[in-house]
Structures are given as C-alpha cells and as structure tokens.
C-alpha cells in the first residue's frame, strides 16, 4: 500500500506547499530515488538532488477538516470542509495518498489552500 507521495507528486506539491510541512524527502543519487525520513531540515540536504515528500498524516494535516471513506469496492473518497458551508470531495482513488494529493491540488487550483 502506498504510504507517501511518489516523486512526481512530491515535485508538484513542492511548487506551492511549504517544505517544512513534509515529513520525509526523496533523495536522488544517480538514477535511484529513495525516500528518507527527515532528521534535519531539508535545506541541509541541498548538496544532493532532493525533494520534500509527504506521508498520509502530514497530507491530512494540510487539509481543512478531512474525512476519508472507503467504499465497498475498495476505492477511497475524501471530503474537506472549506469555510463552514461548502465541502469539496474527490472520489474513486485506489489509495489514501492519491486522494489527498488530488484534493490538495484541487483546493490549490481553486485558491482555497
């Protein structure tokens, strides 16, 4: 089961999320990217090609009042409440990470995150 953002998702999120919100990072040495848990600020890894990476808990922390639900078919949906009235939802994802990623992208595009 996927437990953190993949490299392409991480690169996209790094365009607008603060890197301090990440709990891991992708380190690319040669052609082999690997995920590592942060033990110091990501800026200290700048001598290598590195990108912030987010686990599920950190992604959920970014979202306003998130609710994850798994359907009988095994797919996931996610609802986030922006303000007090309007919920935003994404539906039909194989895993929680992809649902959170899509919700963050959606809210960013709507300028609500």
N, C-alpha and C. Protein backbone atom coordinates (compact mmCIF):
# COMPACT_ATOMS: atom_id res chain seq x y z
N UNK A 1 0.85 -1.18 0.00
CA UNK A 1 0.00 0.00 0.00
C UNK A 1 0.89 1.24 0.00
N UNK A 2 0.52 2.21 -0.79
CA UNK A 2 1.27 3.45 -0.91
C UNK A 2 1.16 4.25 0.39
N UNK A 3 2.29 4.67 0.96
CA UNK A 3 2.25 5.37 2.24
C UNK A 3 2.84 6.77 2.21
N UNK A 4 3.27 7.23 1.03
CA UNK A 4 3.79 8.58 0.89
C UNK A 4 3.69 9.00 -0.58
N UNK A 5 3.84 10.30 -0.82
CA UNK A 5 3.73 10.81 -2.18
C UNK A 5 4.87 10.26 -3.04
N UNK A 6 4.53 9.92 -4.28
CA UNK A 6 5.58 9.47 -5.19
C UNK A 6 6.40 10.69 -5.64
N UNK A 7 7.45 10.45 -6.37
CA UNK A 7 8.38 11.52 -6.73
C UNK A 7 7.69 12.61 -7.55
N UNK A 8 6.87 12.24 -8.52
CA UNK A 8 6.21 13.27 -9.35
C UNK A 8 5.21 14.07 -8.52
N UNK A 9 4.46 13.42 -7.63
CA UNK A 9 3.54 14.13 -6.75
C UNK A 9 4.30 15.07 -5.82
N UNK A 10 5.41 14.60 -5.29
CA UNK A 10 6.23 15.41 -4.39
C UNK A 10 6.75 16.67 -5.08
N UNK A 11 7.21 16.51 -6.32
CA UNK A 11 7.71 17.67 -7.06
C UNK A 11 6.60 18.69 -7.27
N UNK A 12 5.40 18.23 -7.60
CA UNK A 12 4.27 19.14 -7.83
C UNK A 12 3.88 19.86 -6.53
N UNK A 13 3.75 19.13 -5.44
CA UNK A 13 3.38 19.74 -4.17
C UNK A 13 4.43 20.73 -3.69
N UNK A 14 5.70 20.44 -3.97
CA UNK A 14 6.78 21.33 -3.55
C UNK A 14 6.72 22.68 -4.25
N UNK A 15 5.96 22.78 -5.34
CA UNK A 15 5.81 24.06 -6.03
C UNK A 15 5.03 25.07 -5.20
N UNK A 16 4.16 24.60 -4.29
CA UNK A 16 3.33 25.56 -3.56
C UNK A 16 3.17 25.27 -2.06
N UNK A 17 3.50 24.08 -1.60
CA UNK A 17 3.42 23.80 -0.17
C UNK A 17 4.75 24.14 0.49
N UNK A 18 4.72 24.60 1.73
CA UNK A 18 5.99 24.84 2.42
C UNK A 18 6.73 23.53 2.65
N UNK A 19 8.01 23.53 2.37
CA UNK A 19 8.76 22.28 2.53
C UNK A 19 8.80 21.84 3.99
N UNK A 20 8.58 22.77 4.91
CA UNK A 20 8.57 22.42 6.33
C UNK A 20 7.38 21.52 6.69
N UNK A 21 6.37 21.46 5.81
CA UNK A 21 5.21 20.61 6.08
C UNK A 21 5.48 19.14 5.75
N UNK A 22 6.59 18.86 5.10
CA UNK A 22 6.95 17.48 4.73
C UNK A 22 7.57 16.75 5.92
N UNK A 23 7.38 15.45 5.94
CA UNK A 23 7.99 14.64 7.00
C UNK A 23 9.05 13.68 6.47
N UNK A 24 9.23 13.67 5.14
CA UNK A 24 10.23 12.82 4.50
C UNK A 24 10.81 13.60 3.33
N UNK A 25 11.75 12.99 2.65
CA UNK A 25 12.26 13.60 1.42
C UNK A 25 12.74 12.51 0.46
N UNK A 26 12.62 12.84 -0.82
CA UNK A 26 13.17 12.00 -1.86
C UNK A 26 14.61 12.44 -2.08
N UNK A 27 15.52 11.51 -2.04
CA UNK A 27 16.92 11.77 -2.33
C UNK A 27 17.24 11.04 -3.62
N UNK A 28 17.73 11.78 -4.61
CA UNK A 28 18.03 11.19 -5.91
C UNK A 28 19.54 11.16 -6.07
N UNK A 29 20.09 9.97 -6.04
CA UNK A 29 21.51 9.77 -6.28
C UNK A 29 21.64 8.93 -7.55
N UNK A 30 22.15 9.54 -8.58
CA UNK A 30 22.19 8.85 -9.87
C UNK A 30 20.78 8.69 -10.39
N UNK A 31 20.41 7.50 -10.78
CA UNK A 31 19.07 7.22 -11.29
C UNK A 31 18.19 6.51 -10.28
N UNK A 32 18.59 6.52 -9.01
CA UNK A 32 17.88 5.76 -8.00
C UNK A 32 17.31 6.67 -6.92
N UNK A 33 16.04 7.10 -7.07
CA UNK A 33 15.44 7.90 -6.00
C UNK A 33 15.02 7.00 -4.83
N UNK A 34 15.26 7.50 -3.62
CA UNK A 34 14.87 6.77 -2.42
C UNK A 34 14.25 7.75 -1.43
N UNK A 35 13.30 7.27 -0.66
CA UNK A 35 12.65 8.08 0.36
C UNK A 35 13.38 7.90 1.69
N UNK A 36 13.56 9.02 2.39
CA UNK A 36 14.19 9.01 3.71
C UNK A 36 13.36 9.85 4.66
N UNK A 37 13.35 9.48 5.92
CA UNK A 37 12.68 10.28 6.94
C UNK A 37 13.59 11.46 7.25
N UNK A 38 12.99 12.64 7.40
CA UNK A 38 13.77 13.83 7.72
C UNK A 38 14.33 13.72 9.13
N UNK A 39 15.63 13.96 9.27
CA UNK A 39 16.26 14.01 10.58
C UNK A 39 16.77 15.41 10.88
N UNK A 40 16.77 16.26 9.87
CA UNK A 40 17.15 17.65 10.00
C UNK A 40 16.45 18.40 8.87
N UNK A 41 16.45 19.74 8.89
CA UNK A 41 15.74 20.48 7.83
C UNK A 41 16.20 20.06 6.44
N UNK A 42 15.24 20.02 5.52
CA UNK A 42 15.55 19.56 4.15
C UNK A 42 16.61 20.42 3.48
N UNK A 43 16.72 21.68 3.85
CA UNK A 43 17.73 22.55 3.25
C UNK A 43 19.14 22.03 3.51
N UNK A 44 19.34 21.25 4.54
CA UNK A 44 20.66 20.68 4.83
C UNK A 44 21.05 19.58 3.86
N UNK A 45 20.10 19.13 3.05
CA UNK A 45 20.38 18.09 2.07
C UNK A 45 20.59 18.68 0.67
N UNK A 46 20.80 19.98 0.58
CA UNK A 46 20.82 20.66 -0.72
C UNK A 46 22.02 20.29 -1.59
N UNK A 47 23.04 19.66 -1.05
CA UNK A 47 24.17 19.27 -1.90
C UNK A 47 23.79 18.11 -2.84
N UNK A 48 22.63 17.48 -2.57
CA UNK A 48 22.13 16.42 -3.44
C UNK A 48 20.81 16.86 -4.03
N UNK A 49 20.38 16.18 -5.07
CA UNK A 49 19.04 16.43 -5.62
C UNK A 49 18.03 15.82 -4.65
N UNK A 50 17.24 16.68 -4.02
CA UNK A 50 16.27 16.18 -3.05
C UNK A 50 14.97 16.96 -3.17
N UNK A 51 13.88 16.30 -2.80
CA UNK A 51 12.54 16.88 -2.87
C UNK A 51 11.78 16.50 -1.61
N UNK A 52 10.97 17.42 -1.09
CA UNK A 52 10.16 17.05 0.07
C UNK A 52 9.18 15.95 -0.31
N UNK A 53 8.78 15.17 0.68
CA UNK A 53 7.85 14.06 0.48
C UNK A 53 6.90 14.05 1.68
N UNK A 54 5.64 13.75 1.43
CA UNK A 54 4.62 13.81 2.47
C UNK A 54 4.00 12.44 2.70
N UNK A 55 3.90 12.06 3.96
CA UNK A 55 3.18 10.87 4.36
C UNK A 55 1.71 11.22 4.58
N UNK A 56 0.89 10.22 4.83
CA UNK A 56 -0.55 10.42 4.96
C UNK A 56 -0.91 11.40 6.08
N UNK A 57 -0.31 11.26 7.24
CA UNK A 57 -0.64 12.14 8.37
C UNK A 57 -0.36 13.60 8.03
N UNK A 58 0.76 13.86 7.38
CA UNK A 58 1.11 15.24 7.01
C UNK A 58 0.15 15.79 5.96
N UNK A 59 -0.25 14.96 4.99
CA UNK A 59 -1.21 15.41 3.98
C UNK A 59 -2.55 15.75 4.63
N UNK A 60 -2.99 14.91 5.54
CA UNK A 60 -4.26 15.18 6.23
C UNK A 60 -4.18 16.44 7.09
N UNK A 61 -3.00 16.72 7.66
CA UNK A 61 -2.81 17.95 8.44
C UNK A 61 -2.96 19.20 7.58
N UNK A 62 -2.63 19.10 6.31
CA UNK A 62 -2.71 20.24 5.39
C UNK A 62 -4.15 20.56 5.03
N UNK A 63 -4.99 19.54 4.99
CA UNK A 63 -6.38 19.70 4.53
C UNK A 63 -7.30 20.20 5.65
N UNK A 64 -8.28 21.04 5.30
CA UNK A 64 -9.23 21.52 6.30
C UNK A 64 -10.31 20.49 6.58
N UNK A 65 -10.35 19.99 7.79
CA UNK A 65 -11.36 19.04 8.27
C UNK A 65 -11.59 17.88 7.29
N UNK A 66 -10.55 17.08 7.04
CA UNK A 66 -10.69 15.99 6.08
C UNK A 66 -11.44 14.79 6.64
N UNK A 67 -12.17 14.12 5.75
CA UNK A 67 -12.84 12.87 6.08
C UNK A 67 -12.57 11.88 4.97
N UNK A 68 -11.91 10.78 5.31
CA UNK A 68 -11.63 9.70 4.35
C UNK A 68 -12.68 8.61 4.52
N UNK A 69 -13.12 8.04 3.41
CA UNK A 69 -14.07 6.94 3.46
C UNK A 69 -13.69 5.91 2.40
N UNK A 70 -13.74 4.64 2.78
CA UNK A 70 -13.51 3.57 1.82
C UNK A 70 -14.84 2.95 1.46
N UNK A 71 -15.08 2.83 0.16
CA UNK A 71 -16.32 2.26 -0.34
C UNK A 71 -16.24 0.73 -0.39
N UNK A 72 -17.37 0.10 -0.58
CA UNK A 72 -17.44 -1.37 -0.64
C UNK A 72 -16.55 -1.93 -1.75
N UNK A 73 -16.35 -1.17 -2.83
CA UNK A 73 -15.50 -1.62 -3.92
C UNK A 73 -14.01 -1.43 -3.64
N UNK A 74 -13.67 -0.90 -2.44
CA UNK A 74 -12.27 -0.73 -2.06
C UNK A 74 -11.68 0.62 -2.41
N UNK A 75 -12.41 1.43 -3.17
CA UNK A 75 -11.90 2.75 -3.56
C UNK A 75 -12.15 3.76 -2.45
N UNK A 76 -11.32 4.80 -2.45
CA UNK A 76 -11.36 5.82 -1.41
C UNK A 76 -11.97 7.12 -1.92
N UNK A 77 -12.66 7.82 -1.04
CA UNK A 77 -13.11 9.19 -1.32
C UNK A 77 -12.64 10.06 -0.15
N UNK A 78 -12.53 11.33 -0.42
CA UNK A 78 -12.06 12.28 0.58
C UNK A 78 -12.91 13.54 0.48
N UNK A 79 -13.34 14.03 1.62
CA UNK A 79 -14.08 15.28 1.69
C UNK A 79 -13.32 16.22 2.60
N UNK A 80 -13.21 17.48 2.19
CA UNK A 80 -12.59 18.52 3.01
C UNK A 80 -13.56 19.68 3.10
N UNK A 81 -13.66 20.25 4.28
CA UNK A 81 -14.57 21.38 4.50
C UNK A 81 -13.79 22.68 4.46
N UNK A 82 -14.14 23.53 3.51
CA UNK A 82 -13.51 24.83 3.38
C UNK A 82 -14.52 25.86 3.83
N UNK A 83 -14.20 26.61 4.86
CA UNK A 83 -15.18 27.51 5.43
C UNK A 83 -16.17 26.68 6.25
N UNK A 84 -17.38 27.17 6.40
CA UNK A 84 -18.35 26.45 7.22
C UNK A 84 -19.48 25.84 6.41
N UNK A 85 -19.53 26.12 5.12
CA UNK A 85 -20.70 25.72 4.35
C UNK A 85 -20.41 24.67 3.29
N UNK A 86 -19.36 24.83 2.54
CA UNK A 86 -19.19 24.04 1.33
C UNK A 86 -18.12 22.97 1.45
N UNK A 87 -18.50 21.70 1.32
CA UNK A 87 -17.49 20.64 1.28
C UNK A 87 -16.99 20.43 -0.14
N UNK A 88 -15.75 20.02 -0.26
CA UNK A 88 -15.18 19.64 -1.55
C UNK A 88 -14.81 18.17 -1.44
N UNK A 89 -15.09 17.42 -2.51
CA UNK A 89 -14.84 15.98 -2.48
C UNK A 89 -14.09 15.50 -3.71
N UNK A 90 -13.31 14.46 -3.51
CA UNK A 90 -12.71 13.69 -4.60
C UNK A 90 -13.10 12.25 -4.33
N UNK A 91 -13.25 11.46 -5.38
CA UNK A 91 -13.79 10.12 -5.20
C UNK A 91 -13.16 9.15 -6.18
N UNK A 92 -13.04 7.89 -5.76
CA UNK A 92 -12.64 6.82 -6.66
C UNK A 92 -11.15 6.58 -6.75
N UNK A 93 -10.43 6.70 -5.66
CA UNK A 93 -8.98 6.51 -5.68
C UNK A 93 -8.60 5.18 -5.05
N UNK A 94 -7.56 4.56 -5.60
CA UNK A 94 -7.10 3.26 -5.11
C UNK A 94 -6.47 3.34 -3.72
N UNK A 95 -5.95 4.52 -3.37
CA UNK A 95 -5.30 4.66 -2.07
C UNK A 95 -5.50 6.05 -1.49
N UNK A 96 -5.25 6.17 -0.21
CA UNK A 96 -5.48 7.42 0.53
C UNK A 96 -4.54 8.53 0.08
N UNK A 97 -3.31 8.19 -0.24
CA UNK A 97 -2.33 9.20 -0.64
C UNK A 97 -2.78 9.90 -1.91
N UNK A 98 -3.22 9.15 -2.91
CA UNK A 98 -3.67 9.76 -4.16
C UNK A 98 -4.91 10.62 -3.95
N UNK A 99 -5.81 10.19 -3.08
CA UNK A 99 -7.00 11.00 -2.78
C UNK A 99 -6.59 12.32 -2.13
N UNK A 100 -5.69 12.27 -1.17
CA UNK A 100 -5.22 13.51 -0.52
C UNK A 100 -4.49 14.41 -1.51
N UNK A 101 -3.64 13.82 -2.32
CA UNK A 101 -2.90 14.60 -3.33
C UNK A 101 -3.88 15.33 -4.25
N UNK A 102 -4.86 14.62 -4.77
CA UNK A 102 -5.82 15.24 -5.70
C UNK A 102 -6.63 16.34 -5.01
N UNK A 103 -6.99 16.14 -3.74
CA UNK A 103 -7.72 17.16 -3.01
C UNK A 103 -6.86 18.41 -2.82
N UNK A 104 -5.61 18.24 -2.46
CA UNK A 104 -4.72 19.39 -2.27
C UNK A 104 -4.55 20.14 -3.59
N UNK A 105 -4.38 19.42 -4.68
CA UNK A 105 -4.26 20.07 -6.00
C UNK A 105 -5.55 20.84 -6.32
N UNK A 106 -6.68 20.20 -6.10
CA UNK A 106 -7.98 20.84 -6.38
C UNK A 106 -8.15 22.12 -5.57
N UNK A 107 -7.90 22.07 -4.27
CA UNK A 107 -8.06 23.25 -3.43
C UNK A 107 -7.05 24.33 -3.78
N UNK A 108 -5.85 23.93 -4.15
CA UNK A 108 -4.85 24.92 -4.59
C UNK A 108 -5.31 25.62 -5.87
N UNK A 109 -5.81 24.86 -6.83
CA UNK A 109 -6.29 25.46 -8.08
C UNK A 109 -7.46 26.40 -7.85
N UNK A 110 -8.29 26.08 -6.85
CA UNK A 110 -9.42 26.96 -6.50
C UNK A 110 -9.00 28.11 -5.59
N UNK A 111 -7.70 28.17 -5.28
CA UNK A 111 -7.13 29.20 -4.39
C UNK A 111 -7.75 29.15 -3.00
N UNK A 112 -8.02 27.94 -2.54
CA UNK A 112 -8.60 27.75 -1.23
C UNK A 112 -7.62 27.07 -0.28
N UNK A 113 -6.40 26.92 -0.74
CA UNK A 113 -5.38 26.30 0.11
C UNK A 113 -4.07 26.99 -0.13
